[in-house]
Amino acid sequence: MIKIKRIYDTPDENDGCRILVDRLWPRGLSRDKANIDLWLKEIAPGDELRKWFSHDVEKFDEFRKRYKQELRNKPELVAQIRGLEKKHKTITLLFSARDVSHNNSIVLRNYIKETLKPPV
């Protein structure tokens, strides 16, 4: 099971393996308080895409397309997340964006789910 959660939310024992999937460290949060198992910043959107998107909801559909293309070029990182999910049963992808509906962790979780489905 892959869950998503803001890193600023209180850690929970049901989070399983907690993976930060942002390129930048969250503002105002100590590493101890973050309580993460892994910081996988390499799977986050590239700097150019991140800056272009700038959390503009109107750009989200295009952001999703571009980020999925980036993820296609990082199969080893996607496989690493899948392996952690198998090992821990539950993983939580952590993000720092304020918008819980339009962020990279949603795209990443959906991408992982889509690529697990057998081709039709």
PDB file of N, CA and C in Angstrom:
ATOM      1  N   MET A   1       0.845  -1.170   0.000  1.00  0.00           N
ATOM      2  CA  MET A   1       0.000   0.000   0.000  1.00  0.00           C
ATOM      3  C   MET A   1       0.894   1.237   0.000  1.00  0.00           C
ATOM      4  N   ILE A   2       0.552   2.179  -0.857  1.00  0.00           N
ATOM      5  CA  ILE A   2       1.287   3.435  -0.924  1.00  0.00           C
ATOM      6  C   ILE A   2       0.360   4.553  -0.477  1.00  0.00           C
ATOM      7  N   LYS A   3       0.756   5.234   0.574  1.00  0.00           N
ATOM      8  CA  LYS A   3       0.006   6.371   1.092  1.00  0.00           C
ATOM      9  C   LYS A   3       0.798   7.640   0.811  1.00  0.00           C
ATOM     10  N   ILE A   4       0.119   8.775   0.871  1.00  0.00           N
ATOM     11  CA  ILE A   4       0.803  10.054   0.768  1.00  0.00           C
ATOM     12  C   ILE A   4       0.390  10.920   1.952  1.00  0.00           C
ATOM     13  N   LYS A   5       1.319  11.804   2.345  1.00  0.00           N
ATOM     14  CA  LYS A   5       1.073  12.596   3.542  1.00  0.00           C
ATOM     15  C   LYS A   5       2.006  13.804   3.541  1.00  0.00           C
ATOM     16  N   ARG A   6       1.527  14.908   4.070  1.00  0.00           N
ATOM     17  CA  ARG A   6       2.412  16.065   4.252  1.00  0.00           C
ATOM     18  C   ARG A   6       3.432  15.732   5.331  1.00  0.00           C
ATOM     19  N   ILE A   7       4.651  16.105   5.113  1.00  0.00           N
ATOM     20  CA  ILE A   7       5.699  15.804   6.082  1.00  0.00           C
ATOM     21  C   ILE A   7       5.486  16.555   7.384  1.00  0.00           C
ATOM     22  N   TYR A   8       4.728  17.630   7.344  1.00  0.00           N
ATOM     23  CA  TYR A   8       4.463  18.410   8.551  1.00  0.00           C
ATOM     24  C   TYR A   8       3.397  17.768   9.437  1.00  0.00           C
ATOM     25  N   ASP A   9       2.668  16.786   8.901  1.00  0.00           N
ATOM     26  CA  ASP A   9       1.678  16.068   9.698  1.00  0.00           C
ATOM     27  C   ASP A   9       2.390  15.129  10.669  1.00  0.00           C
ATOM     28  N   THR A  10       1.761  14.840  11.774  1.00  0.00           N
ATOM     29  CA  THR A  10       2.353  13.994  12.805  1.00  0.00           C
ATOM     30  C   THR A  10       2.621  12.589  12.277  1.00  0.00           C
ATOM     31  N   PRO A  11       3.841  12.081  12.466  1.00  0.00           N
ATOM     32  CA  PRO A  11       4.131  10.700  12.075  1.00  0.00           C
ATOM     33  C   PRO A  11       3.218   9.736  12.823  1.00  0.00           C
ATOM     34  N   ASP A  12       2.892   8.634  12.173  1.00  0.00           N
ATOM     35  CA  ASP A  12       1.984   7.645  12.729  1.00  0.00           C
ATOM     36  C   ASP A  12       2.587   6.261  12.509  1.00  0.00           C
ATOM     37  N   GLU A  13       2.345   5.354  13.411  1.00  0.00           N
ATOM     38  CA  GLU A  13       2.896   4.002  13.265  1.00  0.00           C
ATOM     39  C   GLU A  13       2.340   3.302  12.028  1.00  0.00           C
ATOM     40  N   ASN A  14       1.182   3.736  11.529  1.00  0.00           N
ATOM     41  CA  ASN A  14       0.594   3.152  10.332  1.00  0.00           C
ATOM     42  C   ASN A  14       1.209   3.695   9.038  1.00  0.00           C
ATOM     43  N   ASP A  15       2.162   4.623   9.161  1.00  0.00           N
ATOM     44  CA  ASP A  15       2.828   5.168   7.981  1.00  0.00           C
ATOM     45  C   ASP A  15       3.731   4.141   7.311  1.00  0.00           C
ATOM     46  N   GLY A  16       4.175   3.158   8.050  1.00  0.00           N
ATOM     47  CA  GLY A  16       5.126   2.206   7.492  1.00  0.00           C
ATOM     48  C   GLY A  16       6.452   2.898   7.225  1.00  0.00           C
ATOM     49  N   CYS A  17       7.044   2.609   6.095  1.00  0.00           N
ATOM     50  CA  CYS A  17       8.315   3.224   5.697  1.00  0.00           C
ATOM     51  C   CYS A  17       8.027   4.621   5.162  1.00  0.00           C
ATOM     52  N   ARG A  18       8.619   5.635   5.802  1.00  0.00           N
ATOM     53  CA  ARG A  18       8.361   7.038   5.444  1.00  0.00           C
ATOM     54  C   ARG A  18       9.455   7.540   4.504  1.00  0.00           C
ATOM     55  N   ILE A  19       9.033   7.927   3.281  1.00  0.00           N
ATOM     56  CA  ILE A  19       9.975   8.342   2.244  1.00  0.00           C
ATOM     57  C   ILE A  19       9.674   9.778   1.821  1.00  0.00           C
ATOM     58  N   LEU A  20      10.627  10.671   2.038  1.00  0.00           N
ATOM     59  CA  LEU A  20      10.497  12.048   1.572  1.00  0.00           C
ATOM     60  C   LEU A  20      10.837  12.076   0.087  1.00  0.00           C
ATOM     61  N   VAL A  21       9.897  12.592  -0.733  1.00  0.00           N
ATOM     62  CA  VAL A  21      10.083  12.586  -2.180  1.00  0.00           C
ATOM     63  C   VAL A  21      10.167  14.006  -2.749  1.00  0.00           C
ATOM     64  N   ASP A  22      10.670  14.931  -1.961  1.00  0.00           N
ATOM     65  CA  ASP A  22      10.912  16.301  -2.407  1.00  0.00           C
ATOM     66  C   ASP A  22      12.407  16.508  -2.638  1.00  0.00           C
ATOM     67  N   ARG A  23      12.737  17.355  -3.589  1.00  0.00           N
ATOM     68  CA  ARG A  23      14.140  17.645  -3.887  1.00  0.00           C
ATOM     69  C   ARG A  23      14.770  18.529  -2.809  1.00  0.00           C
ATOM     70  N   LEU A  24      13.967  19.438  -2.239  1.00  0.00           N
ATOM     71  CA  LEU A  24      14.470  20.355  -1.220  1.00  0.00           C
ATOM     72  C   LEU A  24      13.995  19.919   0.156  1.00  0.00           C
ATOM     73  N   TRP A  25      14.829  20.143   1.165  1.00  0.00           N
ATOM     74  CA  TRP A  25      14.437  19.815   2.533  1.00  0.00           C
ATOM     75  C   TRP A  25      13.314  20.764   2.968  1.00  0.00           C
ATOM     76  N   PRO A  26      12.285  20.259   3.642  1.00  0.00           N
ATOM     77  CA  PRO A  26      11.159  21.100   4.076  1.00  0.00           C
ATOM     78  C   PRO A  26      11.587  22.201   5.049  1.00  0.00           C
ATOM     79  N   ARG A  27      11.075  23.379   4.823  1.00  0.00           N
ATOM     80  CA  ARG A  27      11.413  24.536   5.656  1.00  0.00           C
ATOM     81  C   ARG A  27      10.949  24.348   7.097  1.00  0.00           C
ATOM     82  N   GLY A  28      11.823  24.741   8.009  1.00  0.00           N
ATOM     83  CA  GLY A  28      11.458  24.779   9.420  1.00  0.00           C
ATOM     84  C   GLY A  28      11.282  23.440  10.088  1.00  0.00           C
ATOM     85  N   LEU A  29      11.757  22.374   9.473  1.00  0.00           N
ATOM     86  CA  LEU A  29      11.570  21.034  10.032  1.00  0.00           C
ATOM     87  C   LEU A  29      12.937  20.391  10.283  1.00  0.00           C
ATOM     88  N   SER A  30      13.145  19.967  11.514  1.00  0.00           N
ATOM     89  CA  SER A  30      14.409  19.298  11.825  1.00  0.00           C
ATOM     90  C   SER A  30      14.357  17.859  11.307  1.00  0.00           C
ATOM     91  N   ARG A  31      15.511  17.287  11.115  1.00  0.00           N
ATOM     92  CA  ARG A  31      15.560  15.895  10.640  1.00  0.00           C
ATOM     93  C   ARG A  31      14.972  14.939  11.668  1.00  0.00           C
ATOM     94  N   ASP A  32      15.168  15.234  12.944  1.00  0.00           N
ATOM     95  CA  ASP A  32      14.590  14.378  13.981  1.00  0.00           C
ATOM     96  C   ASP A  32      13.068  14.415  13.942  1.00  0.00           C
ATOM     97  N   LYS A  33      12.523  15.605  13.826  1.00  0.00           N
ATOM     98  CA  LYS A  33      11.069  15.745  13.829  1.00  0.00           C
ATOM     99  C   LYS A  33      10.445  15.166  12.561  1.00  0.00           C
ATOM    100  N   ALA A  34      11.183  15.178  11.467  1.00  0.00           N
ATOM    101  CA  ALA A  34      10.665  14.645  10.205  1.00  0.00           C
ATOM    102  C   ALA A  34      10.427  13.139  10.293  1.00  0.00           C
ATOM    103  N   ASN A  35      11.260  12.458  11.052  1.00  0.00           N
ATOM    104  CA  ASN A  35      11.098  11.020  11.274  1.00  0.00           C
ATOM    105  C   ASN A  35      10.949  10.247   9.951  1.00  0.00           C
ATOM    106  N   ILE A  36      11.923  10.433   9.055  1.00  0.00           N
ATOM    107  CA  ILE A  36      11.869   9.741   7.769  1.00  0.00           C
ATOM    108  C   ILE A  36      12.817   8.548   7.779  1.00  0.00           C
ATOM    109  N   ASP A  37      12.489   7.569   6.948  1.00  0.00           N
ATOM    110  CA  ASP A  37      13.358   6.407   6.769  1.00  0.00           C
ATOM    111  C   ASP A  37      14.299   6.608   5.587  1.00  0.00           C
ATOM    112  N   LEU A  38      13.851   7.422   4.617  1.00  0.00           N
ATOM    113  CA  LEU A  38      14.642   7.619   3.403  1.00  0.00           C
ATOM    114  C   LEU A  38      14.273   8.959   2.782  1.00  0.00           C
ATOM    115  N   TRP A  39      15.294   9.675   2.322  1.00  0.00           N
ATOM    116  CA  TRP A  39      15.066  10.889   1.539  1.00  0.00           C
ATOM    117  C   TRP A  39      15.488  10.556   0.118  1.00  0.00           C
ATOM    118  N   LEU A  40      14.508  10.368  -0.749  1.00  0.00           N
ATOM    119  CA  LEU A  40      14.758   9.977  -2.131  1.00  0.00           C
ATOM    120  C   LEU A  40      14.572  11.197  -3.040  1.00  0.00           C
ATOM    121  N   LYS A  41      15.452  12.184  -2.854  1.00  0.00           N
ATOM    122  CA  LYS A  41      15.300  13.441  -3.589  1.00  0.00           C
ATOM    123  C   LYS A  41      15.511  13.280  -5.088  1.00  0.00           C
ATOM    124  N   GLU A  42      16.205  12.223  -5.489  1.00  0.00           N
ATOM    125  CA  GLU A  42      16.476  12.009  -6.913  1.00  0.00           C
ATOM    126  C   GLU A  42      15.199  11.676  -7.693  1.00  0.00           C
ATOM    127  N   ILE A  43      14.152  11.215  -7.008  1.00  0.00           N
ATOM    128  CA  ILE A  43      12.908  10.868  -7.705  1.00  0.00           C
ATOM    129  C   ILE A  43      11.975  12.072  -7.818  1.00  0.00           C
ATOM    130  N   ALA A  44      12.303  13.146  -7.149  1.00  0.00           N
ATOM    131  CA  ALA A  44      11.492  14.367  -7.211  1.00  0.00           C
ATOM    132  C   ALA A  44      11.616  15.002  -8.593  1.00  0.00           C
ATOM    133  N   PRO A  45      10.669  15.853  -8.960  1.00  0.00           N
ATOM    134  CA  PRO A  45      10.799  16.553 -10.248  1.00  0.00           C
ATOM    135  C   PRO A  45      12.113  17.321 -10.313  1.00  0.00           C
ATOM    136  N   GLY A  46      12.687  17.374 -11.505  1.00  0.00           N
ATOM    137  CA  GLY A  46      13.923  18.121 -11.707  1.00  0.00           C
ATOM    138  C   GLY A  46      13.731  19.594 -11.389  1.00  0.00           C
ATOM    139  N   ASP A  47      14.827  20.278 -11.156  1.00  0.00           N
ATOM    140  CA  ASP A  47      14.769  21.696 -10.780  1.00  0.00           C
ATOM    141  C   ASP A  47      14.013  22.543 -11.800  1.00  0.00           C
ATOM    142  N   GLU A  48      14.259  22.309 -13.074  1.00  0.00           N
ATOM    143  CA  GLU A  48      13.594  23.107 -14.106  1.00  0.00           C
ATOM    144  C   GLU A  48      12.080  22.912 -14.058  1.00  0.00           C
ATOM    145  N   LEU A  49      11.634  21.663 -13.958  1.00  0.00           N
ATOM    146  CA  LEU A  49      10.199  21.373 -13.903  1.00  0.00           C
ATOM    147  C   LEU A  49       9.588  21.911 -12.608  1.00  0.00           C
ATOM    148  N   ARG A  50      10.275  21.727 -11.519  1.00  0.00           N
ATOM    149  CA  ARG A  50       9.781  22.200 -10.220  1.00  0.00           C
ATOM    150  C   ARG A  50       9.587  23.714 -10.231  1.00  0.00           C
ATOM    151  N   LYS A  51      10.570  24.425 -10.761  1.00  0.00           N
ATOM    152  CA  LYS A  51      10.477  25.888 -10.795  1.00  0.00           C
ATOM    153  C   LYS A  51       9.390  26.346 -11.772  1.00  0.00           C
ATOM    154  N   TRP A  52       9.266  25.666 -12.908  1.00  0.00           N
ATOM    155  CA  TRP A  52       8.237  26.020 -13.889  1.00  0.00           C
ATOM    156  C   TRP A  52       6.846  25.835 -13.292  1.00  0.00           C
ATOM    157  N   PHE A  53       6.615  24.712 -12.626  1.00  0.00           N
ATOM    158  CA  PHE A  53       5.300  24.417 -12.047  1.00  0.00           C
ATOM    159  C   PHE A  53       4.952  25.403 -10.937  1.00  0.00           C
ATOM    160  N   SER A  54       5.847  25.608 -10.025  1.00  0.00           N
ATOM    161  CA  SER A  54       5.683  26.559  -8.935  1.00  0.00           C
ATOM    162  C   SER A  54       4.327  26.430  -8.230  1.00  0.00           C
ATOM    163  N   HIS A  55       3.824  25.207  -8.152  1.00  0.00           N
ATOM    164  CA  HIS A  55       2.562  24.882  -7.472  1.00  0.00           C
ATOM    165  C   HIS A  55       1.374  25.672  -8.020  1.00  0.00           C
ATOM    166  N   ASP A  56       1.416  25.945  -9.327  1.00  0.00           N
ATOM    167  CA  ASP A  56       0.319  26.625 -10.009  1.00  0.00           C
ATOM    168  C   ASP A  56      -0.684  25.559 -10.461  1.00  0.00           C
ATOM    169  N   VAL A  57      -1.850  25.547  -9.855  1.00  0.00           N
ATOM    170  CA  VAL A  57      -2.867  24.529 -10.133  1.00  0.00           C
ATOM    171  C   VAL A  57      -3.216  24.476 -11.616  1.00  0.00           C
ATOM    172  N   GLU A  58      -3.216  25.610 -12.282  1.00  0.00           N
ATOM    173  CA  GLU A  58      -3.553  25.640 -13.710  1.00  0.00           C
ATOM    174  C   GLU A  58      -2.525  24.905 -14.563  1.00  0.00           C
ATOM    175  N   LYS A  59      -1.325  24.725 -14.050  1.00  0.00           N
ATOM    176  CA  LYS A  59      -0.271  24.022 -14.785  1.00  0.00           C
ATOM    177  C   LYS A  59      -0.186  22.546 -14.409  1.00  0.00           C
ATOM    178  N   PHE A  60      -1.066  22.074 -13.517  1.00  0.00           N
ATOM    179  CA  PHE A  60      -0.907  20.737 -12.964  1.00  0.00           C
ATOM    180  C   PHE A  60      -1.004  19.634 -14.017  1.00  0.00           C
ATOM    181  N   ASP A  61      -1.932  19.720 -14.951  1.00  0.00           N
ATOM    182  CA  ASP A  61      -2.057  18.671 -15.971  1.00  0.00           C
ATOM    183  C   ASP A  61      -0.776  18.541 -16.787  1.00  0.00           C
ATOM    184  N   GLU A  62      -0.208  19.672 -17.182  1.00  0.00           N
ATOM    185  CA  GLU A  62       1.052  19.634 -17.937  1.00  0.00           C
ATOM    186  C   GLU A  62       2.199  19.172 -17.046  1.00  0.00           C
ATOM    187  N   PHE A  63       2.192  19.603 -15.791  1.00  0.00           N
ATOM    188  CA  PHE A  63       3.201  19.141 -14.834  1.00  0.00           C
ATOM    189  C   PHE A  63       3.163  17.617 -14.720  1.00  0.00           C
ATOM    190  N   ARG A  64       1.959  17.065 -14.601  1.00  0.00           N
ATOM    191  CA  ARG A  64       1.796  15.620 -14.485  1.00  0.00           C
ATOM    192  C   ARG A  64       2.421  14.905 -15.689  1.00  0.00           C
ATOM    193  N   LYS A  65       2.153  15.386 -16.886  1.00  0.00           N
ATOM    194  CA  LYS A  65       2.708  14.774 -18.102  1.00  0.00           C
ATOM    195  C   LYS A  65       4.236  14.831 -18.092  1.00  0.00           C
ATOM    196  N   ARG A  66       4.770  15.997 -17.777  1.00  0.00           N
ATOM    197  CA  ARG A  66       6.232  16.169 -17.800  1.00  0.00           C
ATOM    198  C   ARG A  66       6.908  15.349 -16.697  1.00  0.00           C
ATOM    199  N   TYR A  67       6.289  15.310 -15.535  1.00  0.00           N
ATOM    200  CA  TYR A  67       6.890  14.557 -14.431  1.00  0.00           C
ATOM    201  C   TYR A  67       6.852  13.057 -14.720  1.00  0.00           C
ATOM    202  N   LYS A  68       5.774  12.570 -15.309  1.00  0.00           N
ATOM    203  CA  LYS A  68       5.713  11.146 -15.682  1.00  0.00           C
ATOM    204  C   LYS A  68       6.819  10.809 -16.687  1.00  0.00           C
ATOM    205  N   GLN A  69       7.092  11.737 -17.602  1.00  0.00           N
ATOM    206  CA  GLN A  69       8.191  11.507 -18.547  1.00  0.00           C
ATOM    207  C   GLN A  69       9.517  11.409 -17.811  1.00  0.00           C
ATOM    208  N   GLU A  70       9.724  12.272 -16.817  1.00  0.00           N
ATOM    209  CA  GLU A  70      10.945  12.182 -16.005  1.00  0.00           C
ATOM    210  C   GLU A  70      11.007  10.835 -15.292  1.00  0.00           C
ATOM    211  N   LEU A  71       9.878  10.375 -14.765  1.00  0.00           N
ATOM    212  CA  LEU A  71       9.860   9.106 -14.034  1.00  0.00           C
ATOM    213  C   LEU A  71      10.174   7.923 -14.946  1.00  0.00           C
ATOM    214  N   ARG A  72       9.769   7.998 -16.209  1.00  0.00           N
ATOM    215  CA  ARG A  72      10.090   6.924 -17.163  1.00  0.00           C
ATOM    216  C   ARG A  72      11.602   6.781 -17.324  1.00  0.00           C
ATOM    217  N   ASN A  73      12.325   7.854 -17.079  1.00  0.00           N
ATOM    218  CA  ASN A  73      13.781   7.826 -17.196  1.00  0.00           C
ATOM    219  C   ASN A  73      14.472   7.462 -15.879  1.00  0.00           C
ATOM    220  N   LYS A  74      13.690   7.086 -14.867  1.00  0.00           N
ATOM    221  CA  LYS A  74      14.242   6.733 -13.556  1.00  0.00           C
ATOM    222  C   LYS A  74      13.677   5.397 -13.067  1.00  0.00           C
ATOM    223  N   PRO A  75      13.722   4.359 -13.900  1.00  0.00           N
ATOM    224  CA  PRO A  75      13.087   3.094 -13.509  1.00  0.00           C
ATOM    225  C   PRO A  75      13.698   2.467 -12.258  1.00  0.00           C
ATOM    226  N   GLU A  76      14.985   2.698 -12.026  1.00  0.00           N
ATOM    227  CA  GLU A  76      15.633   2.104 -10.854  1.00  0.00           C
ATOM    228  C   GLU A  76      15.111   2.716  -9.551  1.00  0.00           C
ATOM    229  N   LEU A  77      14.756   3.997  -9.584  1.00  0.00           N
ATOM    230  CA  LEU A  77      14.213   4.643  -8.389  1.00  0.00           C
ATOM    231  C   LEU A  77      12.779   4.203  -8.132  1.00  0.00           C
ATOM    232  N   VAL A  78      12.003   4.054  -9.204  1.00  0.00           N
ATOM    233  CA  VAL A  78      10.635   3.543  -9.065  1.00  0.00           C
ATOM    234  C   VAL A  78      10.687   2.118  -8.526  1.00  0.00           C
ATOM    235  N   ALA A  79      11.611   1.324  -9.039  1.00  0.00           N
ATOM    236  CA  ALA A  79      11.769  -0.050  -8.561  1.00  0.00           C
ATOM    237  C   ALA A  79      12.180  -0.080  -7.086  1.00  0.00           C
ATOM    238  N   GLN A  80      12.978   0.885  -6.671  1.00  0.00           N
ATOM    239  CA  GLN A  80      13.388   0.958  -5.267  1.00  0.00           C
ATOM    240  C   GLN A  80      12.170   1.183  -4.366  1.00  0.00           C
ATOM    241  N   ILE A  81      11.266   2.047  -4.780  1.00  0.00           N
ATOM    242  CA  ILE A  81      10.054   2.290  -3.999  1.00  0.00           C
ATOM    243  C   ILE A  81       9.188   1.030  -3.973  1.00  0.00           C
ATOM    244  N   ARG A  82       9.053   0.378  -5.111  1.00  0.00           N
ATOM    245  CA  ARG A  82       8.267  -0.866  -5.150  1.00  0.00           C
ATOM    246  C   ARG A  82       8.864  -1.919  -4.213  1.00  0.00           C
ATOM    247  N   GLY A  83      10.176  -2.006  -4.206  1.00  0.00           N
ATOM    248  CA  GLY A  83      10.841  -2.964  -3.318  1.00  0.00           C
ATOM    249  C   GLY A  83      10.584  -2.648  -1.850  1.00  0.00           C
ATOM    250  N   LEU A  84      10.595  -1.374  -1.507  1.00  0.00           N
ATOM    251  CA  LEU A  84      10.306  -0.972  -0.127  1.00  0.00           C
ATOM    252  C   LEU A  84       8.858  -1.273   0.235  1.00  0.00           C
ATOM    253  N   GLU A  85       7.965  -1.120  -0.728  1.00  0.00           N
ATOM    254  CA  GLU A  85       6.559  -1.439  -0.476  1.00  0.00           C
ATOM    255  C   GLU A  85       6.393  -2.938  -0.207  1.00  0.00           C
ATOM    256  N   LYS A  86       7.073  -3.766  -0.982  1.00  0.00           N
ATOM    257  CA  LYS A  86       7.004  -5.222  -0.755  1.00  0.00           C
ATOM    258  C   LYS A  86       7.565  -5.585   0.617  1.00  0.00           C
ATOM    259  N   LYS A  87       8.657  -4.954   0.976  1.00  0.00           N
ATOM    260  CA  LYS A  87       9.326  -5.260   2.239  1.00  0.00           C
ATOM    261  C   LYS A  87       8.518  -4.791   3.445  1.00  0.00           C
ATOM    262  N   HIS A  88       7.981  -3.586   3.373  1.00  0.00           N
ATOM    263  CA  HIS A  88       7.318  -2.975   4.532  1.00  0.00           C
ATOM    264  C   HIS A  88       5.790  -3.072   4.486  1.00  0.00           C
ATOM    265  N   LYS A  89       5.245  -3.513   3.361  1.00  0.00           N
ATOM    266  CA  LYS A  89       3.792  -3.600   3.138  1.00  0.00           C
ATOM    267  C   LYS A  89       3.138  -2.230   2.983  1.00  0.00           C
ATOM    268  N   THR A  90       3.543  -1.258   3.777  1.00  0.00           N
ATOM    269  CA  THR A  90       3.005   0.094   3.673  1.00  0.00           C
ATOM    270  C   THR A  90       4.165   1.074   3.603  1.00  0.00           C
ATOM    271  N   ILE A  91       4.070   1.975   2.634  1.00  0.00           N
ATOM    272  CA  ILE A  91       5.020   3.080   2.574  1.00  0.00           C
ATOM    273  C   ILE A  91       4.216   4.369   2.482  1.00  0.00           C
ATOM    274  N   THR A  92       4.788   5.431   2.987  1.00  0.00           N
ATOM    275  CA  THR A  92       4.154   6.735   2.903  1.00  0.00           C
ATOM    276  C   THR A  92       5.106   7.685   2.194  1.00  0.00           C
ATOM    277  N   LEU A  93       4.629   8.221   1.072  1.00  0.00           N
ATOM    278  CA  LEU A  93       5.398   9.219   0.334  1.00  0.00           C
ATOM    279  C   LEU A  93       5.112  10.574   0.970  1.00  0.00           C
ATOM    280  N   LEU A  94       6.151  11.216   1.420  1.00  0.00           N
ATOM    281  CA  LEU A  94       6.020  12.482   2.140  1.00  0.00           C
ATOM    282  C   LEU A  94       6.367  13.661   1.234  1.00  0.00           C
ATOM    283  N   PHE A  95       5.571  14.717   1.336  1.00  0.00           N
ATOM    284  CA  PHE A  95       5.787  15.927   0.543  1.00  0.00           C
ATOM    285  C   PHE A  95       5.577  17.134   1.439  1.00  0.00           C
ATOM    286  N   SER A  96       6.080  18.280   1.021  1.00  0.00           N
ATOM    287  CA  SER A  96       5.949  19.472   1.854  1.00  0.00           C
ATOM    288  C   SER A  96       4.992  20.517   1.295  1.00  0.00           C
ATOM    289  N   ALA A  97       4.513  20.343   0.081  1.00  0.00           N
ATOM    290  CA  ALA A  97       3.612  21.330  -0.529  1.00  0.00           C
ATOM    291  C   ALA A  97       2.350  21.526   0.309  1.00  0.00           C
ATOM    292  N   ARG A  98       1.835  22.736   0.285  1.00  0.00           N
ATOM    293  CA  ARG A  98       0.592  23.019   1.018  1.00  0.00           C
ATOM    294  C   ARG A  98      -0.614  22.388   0.350  1.00  0.00           C
ATOM    295  N   ASP A  99      -0.581  22.338  -0.975  1.00  0.00           N
ATOM    296  CA  ASP A  99      -1.711  21.800  -1.743  1.00  0.00           C
ATOM    297  C   ASP A  99      -1.642  20.273  -1.732  1.00  0.00           C
ATOM    298  N   VAL A 100      -2.584  19.665  -1.038  1.00  0.00           N
ATOM    299  CA  VAL A 100      -2.563  18.206  -0.902  1.00  0.00           C
ATOM    300  C   VAL A 100      -3.156  17.492  -2.120  1.00  0.00           C
ATOM    301  N   SER A 101      -3.719  18.249  -3.054  1.00  0.00           N
ATOM    302  CA  SER A 101      -4.344  17.645  -4.230  1.00  0.00           C
ATOM    303  C   SER A 101      -3.531  17.811  -5.511  1.00  0.00           C
ATOM    304  N   HIS A 102      -2.559  18.709  -5.492  1.00  0.00           N
ATOM    305  CA  HIS A 102      -1.779  19.000  -6.707  1.00  0.00           C
ATOM    306  C   HIS A 102      -0.297  19.057  -6.351  1.00  0.00           C
ATOM    307  N   ASN A 103       0.337  17.898  -6.270  1.00  0.00           N
ATOM    308  CA  ASN A 103       1.755  17.856  -5.925  1.00  0.00           C
ATOM    309  C   ASN A 103       2.407  16.618  -6.519  1.00  0.00           C
ATOM    310  N   ASN A 104       3.722  16.569  -6.445  1.00  0.00           N
ATOM    311  CA  ASN A 104       4.472  15.487  -7.077  1.00  0.00           C
ATOM    312  C   ASN A 104       4.205  14.118  -6.455  1.00  0.00           C
ATOM    313  N   SER A 105       3.897  14.047  -5.176  1.00  0.00           N
ATOM    314  CA  SER A 105       3.685  12.733  -4.556  1.00  0.00           C
ATOM    315  C   SER A 105       2.443  12.046  -5.118  1.00  0.00           C
ATOM    316  N   ILE A 106       1.426  12.814  -5.461  1.00  0.00           N
ATOM    317  CA  ILE A 106       0.220  12.240  -6.067  1.00  0.00           C
ATOM    318  C   ILE A 106       0.559  11.655  -7.434  1.00  0.00           C
ATOM    319  N   VAL A 107       1.300  12.405  -8.221  1.00  0.00           N
ATOM    320  CA  VAL A 107       1.698  11.933  -9.552  1.00  0.00           C
ATOM    321  C   VAL A 107       2.561  10.680  -9.413  1.00  0.00           C
ATOM    322  N   LEU A 108       3.500  10.698  -8.479  1.00  0.00           N
ATOM    323  CA  LEU A 108       4.391   9.557  -8.274  1.00  0.00           C
ATOM    324  C   LEU A 108       3.615   8.315  -7.855  1.00  0.00           C
ATOM    325  N   ARG A 109       2.731   8.452  -6.868  1.00  0.00           N
ATOM    326  CA  ARG A 109       1.941   7.300  -6.422  1.00  0.00           C
ATOM    327  C   ARG A 109       1.115   6.730  -7.573  1.00  0.00           C
ATOM    328  N   ASN A 110       0.444   7.594  -8.326  1.00  0.00           N
ATOM    329  CA  ASN A 110      -0.366   7.120  -9.447  1.00  0.00           C
ATOM    330  C   ASN A 110       0.486   6.479 -10.530  1.00  0.00           C
ATOM    331  N   TYR A 111       1.656   7.032 -10.780  1.00  0.00           N
ATOM    332  CA  TYR A 111       2.565   6.462 -11.775  1.00  0.00           C
ATOM    333  C   TYR A 111       2.976   5.044 -11.371  1.00  0.00           C
ATOM    334  N   ILE A 112       3.309   4.872 -10.117  1.00  0.00           N
ATOM    335  CA  ILE A 112       3.709   3.547  -9.639  1.00  0.00           C
ATOM    336  C   ILE A 112       2.547   2.561  -9.792  1.00  0.00           C
ATOM    337  N   LYS A 113       1.360   2.972  -9.437  1.00  0.00           N
ATOM    338  CA  LYS A 113       0.184   2.103  -9.577  1.00  0.00           C
ATOM    339  C   LYS A 113      -0.084   1.761 -11.042  1.00  0.00           C
ATOM    340  N   GLU A 114       0.017   2.767 -11.921  1.00  0.00           N
ATOM    341  CA  GLU A 114      -0.236   2.553 -13.346  1.00  0.00           C
ATOM    342  C   GLU A 114       0.772   1.596 -13.962  1.00  0.00           C
ATOM    343  N   THR A 115       2.017   1.704 -13.573  1.00  0.00           N
ATOM    344  CA  THR A 115       3.052   0.861 -14.177  1.00  0.00           C
ATOM    345  C   THR A 115       3.025  -0.563 -13.632  1.00  0.00           C
ATOM    346  N   LEU A 116       2.294  -0.792 -12.557  1.00  0.00           N
ATOM    347  CA  LEU A 116       2.152  -2.150 -12.030  1.00  0.00           C
ATOM    348  C   LEU A 116       1.063  -2.934 -12.770  1.00  0.00           C
ATOM    349  N   LYS A 117       0.135  -2.218 -13.407  1.00  0.00           N
ATOM    350  CA  LYS A 117      -0.957  -2.876 -14.114  1.00  0.00           C
ATOM    351  C   LYS A 117      -0.421  -3.565 -15.362  1.00  0.00           C
ATOM    352  N   PRO A 118      -0.897  -4.782 -15.644  1.00  0.00           N
ATOM    353  CA  PRO A 118      -0.460  -5.444 -16.878  1.00  0.00           C
ATOM    354  C   PRO A 118      -1.009  -4.709 -18.089  1.00  0.00           C
ATOM    355  N   PRO A 119      -0.262  -4.689 -19.194  1.00  0.00           N
ATOM    356  CA  PRO A 119      -0.747  -4.019 -20.402  1.00  0.00           C
ATOM    357  C   PRO A 119      -2.024  -4.677 -20.919  1.00  0.00           C
ATOM    358  N   VAL A 120      -2.907  -3.862 -21.488  1.00  0.00           N
ATOM    359  CA  VAL A 120      -4.190  -4.384 -22.008  1.00  0.00           C
ATOM    360  C   VAL A 120      -4.087  -4.664 -23.473  1.00  0.00           C
TER     361      VAL A 120
END
